[in-house]
């Protein structure tokens, strides 16, 4: 309840950051601890002398440098994925994905793994005569960052009334076959460890109506998703139409160099019609 009261004081939606703040804080703390240890045991001879000081100086020096570089990289990621900073890459990706989502008047769309509700709300805003449903499990490593209450408050602050949020797991969605006119998702399935990504896609497509549109953005590299060309061919044989895999690292959402540096290599939009 305290968290909810804090959210209520916001004047605009708080979509949080794709890089948890606690991760950045942890890396800063680790870097400082390692640097202090290096100063105590490696830089001077007050505690250790001779060969021991040299060995520990090398170990702690390399460790400090490595942690500082990692911390700098995480800090850059945090800035890139912050909605309130100049770069606003997260907003570019959310808005760009939502642009592909077209829901017929009176229809219902589903956003799988909605997190803070950003994509759900963006889709609802673009389709005011339809309803958008966001679902997530809101637990695990992101439990402290995202919640259903956060999503509902973000929708309220964005003044978007045609959205709602329900608990649902992408591995087995709690919806009947062919329930939605559109299904969408952004950077979700690659986070689900130990599950076949193509099967996760099929589970999402299960709840899509005949004639419905799917717009799914994720890290769809071969190492994560397998052969997506074969997967798309299978969809086409099963009657899906206009199936495309759009590389979003070629200037659509980001450049190829940006994707490599930010760890987003393989980002692609899978779109089509059932």
Protein backbone atom coordinates (compact mmCIF):
# COMPACT_ATOMS: atom_id res chain seq x y z
CA UNK A 1 0.00 0.00 0.00
CA UNK A 2 2.89 2.37 0.72
CA UNK A 3 4.19 1.80 -2.80
CA UNK A 4 0.78 2.58 -4.24
CA UNK A 5 0.53 5.84 -2.27
CA UNK A 6 3.94 6.84 -3.59
CA UNK A 7 2.81 6.14 -7.16
CA UNK A 8 -0.36 8.17 -6.67
CA UNK A 9 1.74 11.28 -6.03
CA UNK A 10 3.22 11.08 -9.53
CA UNK A 11 1.94 13.55 -12.10
CA UNK A 12 2.86 11.43 -15.11
CA UNK A 13 3.18 7.68 -15.80
CA UNK A 14 6.15 5.91 -14.28
CA UNK A 15 7.17 3.17 -16.70
CA UNK A 16 10.28 2.42 -14.67
CA UNK A 17 13.46 1.26 -16.33
CA UNK A 18 14.21 -1.98 -18.15
CA UNK A 19 17.47 -2.07 -16.18
CA UNK A 20 16.47 -2.42 -12.50
CA UNK A 21 17.83 0.40 -10.36
CA UNK A 22 18.95 -2.13 -7.77
CA UNK A 23 21.23 -3.72 -10.39
CA UNK A 24 22.93 -0.38 -11.07
CA UNK A 25 23.25 0.30 -7.34
CA UNK A 26 24.70 -3.18 -6.78
CA UNK A 27 27.35 -2.69 -9.46
CA UNK A 28 28.32 0.69 -8.04
CA UNK A 29 28.64 -0.87 -4.58
CA UNK A 30 30.71 -3.79 -5.86
CA UNK A 31 33.04 -1.42 -7.72
CA UNK A 32 33.58 0.74 -4.64
CA UNK A 33 34.27 -2.26 -2.39
CA UNK A 34 36.77 -3.73 -4.83
CA UNK A 35 38.47 -0.35 -5.29
CA UNK A 36 38.80 0.13 -1.51
CA UNK A 37 40.27 -3.37 -1.18
CA UNK A 38 42.74 -2.57 -3.94
CA UNK A 39 43.84 0.61 -2.14
CA UNK A 40 44.22 -1.23 1.18
CA UNK A 41 45.94 -4.41 -0.01
CA UNK A 42 47.52 -3.52 -3.33
CA UNK A 43 48.32 0.16 -3.67
CA UNK A 44 50.22 0.57 -0.41
CA UNK A 45 52.35 -1.60 1.86
CA UNK A 46 50.68 -0.86 5.20
CA UNK A 47 48.91 -4.26 5.30
CA UNK A 48 50.75 -6.44 2.77
CA UNK A 49 54.32 -6.25 1.58
CA UNK A 50 56.49 -7.72 -1.10
CA UNK A 51 55.21 -10.50 -3.35
CA UNK A 52 51.86 -10.82 -1.55
CA UNK A 53 51.10 -7.14 -2.15
CA UNK A 54 51.99 -7.44 -5.84
CA UNK A 55 49.82 -10.54 -6.35
CA UNK A 56 46.82 -9.09 -4.53
CA UNK A 57 47.40 -5.73 -6.21
CA UNK A 58 47.15 -7.37 -9.63
CA UNK A 59 44.07 -9.41 -8.71
CA UNK A 60 42.20 -6.52 -7.08
CA UNK A 61 43.38 -4.04 -9.72
CA UNK A 62 42.05 -6.18 -12.56
CA UNK A 63 38.87 -6.82 -10.59
CA UNK A 64 38.36 -3.11 -9.91
CA UNK A 65 38.89 -2.17 -13.55
CA UNK A 66 36.52 -4.90 -14.75
CA UNK A 67 33.79 -3.89 -12.30
CA UNK A 68 34.19 -0.21 -13.18
CA UNK A 69 33.76 -0.99 -16.88
CA UNK A 70 30.69 -3.15 -16.18
CA UNK A 71 29.24 -0.42 -13.96
CA UNK A 72 29.81 2.18 -16.67
CA UNK A 73 28.06 -0.05 -19.22
CA UNK A 74 25.09 -0.71 -16.91
CA UNK A 75 24.87 3.04 -16.25
CA UNK A 76 24.72 3.70 -20.01
CA UNK A 77 21.98 1.06 -20.37
CA UNK A 78 20.06 2.64 -17.49
CA UNK A 79 20.20 6.03 -19.17
CA UNK A 80 19.26 4.62 -22.58
CA UNK A 81 16.17 2.85 -21.20
CA UNK A 82 14.96 5.76 -19.05
CA UNK A 83 11.77 7.39 -20.33
CA UNK A 84 12.69 10.72 -18.76
CA UNK A 85 16.13 11.19 -20.33
CA UNK A 86 17.22 12.56 -23.68
CA UNK A 87 17.91 9.24 -25.44
CA UNK A 88 14.55 7.59 -24.58
CA UNK A 89 15.30 4.41 -26.54
CA UNK A 90 12.71 2.49 -24.52
CA UNK A 91 10.03 5.00 -25.54
CA UNK A 92 11.11 4.81 -29.20
CA UNK A 93 10.78 1.02 -29.13
CA UNK A 94 7.41 1.04 -27.33
CA UNK A 95 5.92 3.72 -29.58
CA UNK A 96 7.35 2.08 -32.69
CA UNK A 97 5.91 -1.32 -31.78
CA UNK A 98 2.52 0.21 -30.94
CA UNK A 99 2.38 1.84 -34.38
CA UNK A 100 1.95 -1.63 -35.90
CA UNK A 101 -0.99 -2.48 -33.63
CA UNK A 102 -4.34 -1.84 -35.31
CA UNK A 103 -7.42 -3.09 -33.45
CA UNK A 104 -10.88 -2.97 -35.08
CA UNK A 105 -13.48 -0.80 -33.35
CA UNK A 106 -15.01 -2.76 -30.49
CA UNK A 107 -12.16 -5.28 -30.63
CA UNK A 108 -9.83 -6.45 -27.87
CA UNK A 109 -6.04 -6.66 -27.93
CA UNK A 110 -3.62 -8.49 -25.62
CA UNK A 111 -0.16 -7.35 -24.53
CA UNK A 112 1.80 -10.33 -23.15
CA UNK A 113 4.29 -9.51 -20.39
CA UNK A 114 3.14 -5.92 -20.00
CA UNK A 115 5.52 -5.03 -17.13
CA UNK A 116 4.73 -1.42 -16.25
CA UNK A 117 1.94 -1.17 -18.85
CA UNK A 118 3.83 1.04 -21.31
CA UNK A 119 3.00 -0.91 -24.50
CA UNK A 120 -0.54 -1.71 -23.34
CA UNK A 121 -1.23 1.99 -22.77
CA UNK A 122 0.45 3.05 -26.02
CA UNK A 123 -1.74 0.58 -27.96
CA UNK A 124 -4.86 1.70 -26.09
CA UNK A 125 -4.08 5.32 -26.94
CA UNK A 126 -3.81 4.49 -30.66
CA UNK A 127 -7.02 2.44 -30.64
CA UNK A 128 -9.50 4.48 -28.56
CA UNK A 129 -12.55 2.52 -29.79
CA UNK A 130 -11.06 -0.82 -28.78
CA UNK A 131 -9.94 -2.40 -25.48
CA UNK A 132 -6.39 -3.36 -24.61
CA UNK A 133 -5.57 -6.01 -22.00
CA UNK A 134 -2.11 -6.23 -20.42
CA UNK A 135 -1.08 -9.41 -18.65
CA UNK A 136 1.98 -10.34 -16.61
CA UNK A 137 2.98 -12.56 -13.71
CA UNK A 138 4.52 -9.55 -11.85
CA UNK A 139 6.87 -11.72 -9.84
CA UNK A 140 10.39 -13.09 -9.97
CA UNK A 141 13.36 -10.81 -10.56
CA UNK A 142 11.15 -7.86 -11.60
CA UNK A 143 8.65 -8.10 -8.74
CA UNK A 144 10.01 -5.04 -6.94
CA UNK A 145 10.01 -2.97 -10.14
CA UNK A 146 6.63 -3.79 -11.70
CA UNK A 147 3.14 -4.54 -10.42
CA UNK A 148 -0.49 -4.56 -11.48
CA UNK A 149 -1.08 -1.49 -9.30
CA UNK A 150 1.71 0.35 -11.09
CA UNK A 151 0.13 -0.46 -14.47
CA UNK A 152 -3.31 0.72 -13.35
CA UNK A 153 -1.91 3.98 -11.98
CA UNK A 154 0.08 4.57 -15.15
CA UNK A 155 -3.09 4.17 -17.22
CA UNK A 156 -4.90 6.58 -14.90
CA UNK A 157 -2.11 9.16 -15.13
CA UNK A 158 -1.95 8.77 -18.91
CA UNK A 159 -5.75 9.31 -18.95
CA UNK A 160 -6.30 6.09 -20.91
CA UNK A 161 -9.51 4.35 -19.86
CA UNK A 162 -9.76 1.60 -22.48
CA UNK A 163 -7.15 -0.67 -20.90
CA UNK A 164 -7.19 -3.25 -18.12
CA UNK A 165 -4.60 -5.51 -16.52
CA UNK A 166 -4.80 -9.16 -15.52
CA UNK A 167 -2.36 -11.71 -14.17
CA UNK A 168 -1.20 -14.15 -16.82
CA UNK A 169 1.83 -16.28 -17.60
CA UNK A 170 3.17 -16.29 -21.19
CA UNK A 171 4.04 -19.98 -20.81
CA UNK A 172 0.35 -20.85 -20.43
CA UNK A 173 -1.97 -17.92 -20.97
CA UNK A 174 -5.23 -17.95 -18.96
CA UNK A 175 -7.36 -17.16 -22.01
CA UNK A 176 -9.46 -19.25 -24.36
CA UNK A 177 -8.46 -20.00 -27.94
CA UNK A 178 -9.12 -17.13 -30.36
CA UNK A 179 -10.02 -14.56 -27.69
CA UNK A 180 -8.25 -11.47 -29.07
CA UNK A 181 -8.21 -9.42 -32.26
CA UNK A 182 -4.54 -8.50 -31.77
CA UNK A 183 -1.68 -9.92 -29.71
CA UNK A 184 1.53 -8.04 -29.03
CA UNK A 185 4.59 -8.23 -26.81
CA UNK A 186 7.90 -6.46 -26.32
CA UNK A 187 11.17 -8.02 -25.09
CA UNK A 188 9.47 -10.73 -23.03
CA UNK A 189 10.08 -14.27 -24.30
CA UNK A 190 13.88 -14.14 -24.26
CA UNK A 191 13.65 -13.64 -20.47
CA UNK A 192 11.79 -16.93 -19.98
CA UNK A 193 14.57 -19.37 -19.19
CA UNK A 194 14.36 -23.02 -20.22
CA UNK A 195 11.38 -22.64 -22.55
CA UNK A 196 11.32 -23.12 -26.32
CA UNK A 197 10.75 -19.65 -27.75
CA UNK A 198 8.85 -20.84 -30.80
CA UNK A 199 6.44 -22.73 -28.53
CA UNK A 200 5.94 -19.54 -26.54
CA UNK A 201 5.04 -17.75 -29.76
CA UNK A 202 2.55 -20.48 -30.66
CA UNK A 203 0.97 -20.19 -27.21
CA UNK A 204 0.47 -16.46 -27.80
CA UNK A 205 -0.91 -17.07 -31.29
CA UNK A 206 -3.33 -19.64 -29.82
CA UNK A 207 -5.41 -16.86 -28.24
CA UNK A 208 -5.49 -14.80 -31.47
CA UNK A 209 -8.72 -14.82 -33.49
CA UNK A 210 -8.84 -15.85 -37.13
CA UNK A 211 -8.01 -12.74 -39.09
CA UNK A 212 -6.31 -11.19 -36.08
CA UNK A 213 -2.93 -9.46 -36.20
CA UNK A 214 0.21 -10.27 -34.20
CA UNK A 215 3.04 -7.82 -33.46
CA UNK A 216 5.82 -9.34 -31.36
CA UNK A 217 9.18 -7.66 -30.68
CA UNK A 218 12.02 -9.57 -29.08
CA UNK A 219 15.65 -10.66 -29.32
CA UNK A 220 15.01 -13.24 -32.04
CA UNK A 221 18.56 -14.41 -32.72
CA UNK A 222 19.03 -17.99 -33.91
CA UNK A 223 20.73 -18.93 -30.65
CA UNK A 224 17.55 -17.98 -28.74
CA UNK A 225 14.76 -18.72 -31.20
CA UNK A 226 16.15 -21.28 -33.59
CA UNK A 227 15.46 -21.03 -37.32
CA UNK A 228 12.82 -18.31 -37.62
CA UNK A 229 12.64 -18.66 -41.40
CA UNK A 230 11.40 -22.23 -40.99
CA UNK A 231 9.02 -21.08 -38.26
CA UNK A 232 7.54 -18.44 -40.56
CA UNK A 233 7.19 -20.97 -43.37
CA UNK A 234 5.28 -23.23 -40.97
CA UNK A 235 2.97 -20.37 -40.05
CA UNK A 236 2.29 -19.67 -43.72
CA UNK A 237 1.49 -23.35 -44.35
CA UNK A 238 -0.94 -23.19 -41.44
CA UNK A 239 -2.77 -20.32 -43.13
CA UNK A 240 -1.12 -17.26 -41.60
CA UNK A 241 -0.77 -14.30 -43.97
CA UNK A 242 1.62 -11.36 -44.41
CA UNK A 243 4.15 -12.99 -42.07
CA UNK A 244 7.32 -10.91 -41.82
CA UNK A 245 10.39 -10.67 -39.62
CA UNK A 246 11.55 -7.06 -39.50
CA UNK A 247 15.08 -6.35 -38.24
CA UNK A 248 14.64 -3.35 -35.92
CA UNK A 249 18.39 -2.75 -35.63
CA UNK A 250 18.66 -1.23 -39.10
CA UNK A 251 17.48 2.24 -38.17
CA UNK A 252 13.85 1.41 -37.38
CA UNK A 253 14.29 1.53 -33.60
CA UNK A 254 18.09 1.66 -33.33
CA UNK A 255 21.25 1.25 -35.38
CA UNK A 256 23.17 -2.00 -35.68
CA UNK A 257 26.06 -0.53 -33.65
CA UNK A 258 23.68 0.60 -30.91
CA UNK A 259 22.13 -2.87 -30.71
CA UNK A 260 25.54 -4.50 -30.30
CA UNK A 261 26.68 -2.04 -27.64
CA UNK A 262 23.41 -2.20 -25.69
CA UNK A 263 23.11 -5.99 -25.86
CA UNK A 264 20.05 -5.85 -28.12
CA UNK A 265 21.49 -7.69 -31.10
CA UNK A 266 18.85 -9.82 -32.82
CA UNK A 267 16.00 -7.41 -32.08
CA UNK A 268 13.21 -8.03 -34.56
CA UNK A 269 9.48 -7.61 -35.04
CA UNK A 270 7.47 -10.68 -36.00
CA UNK A 271 4.26 -9.47 -37.61
CA UNK A 272 1.44 -11.05 -39.59
CA UNK A 273 -2.20 -12.06 -39.71
CA UNK A 274 -3.79 -15.33 -38.59
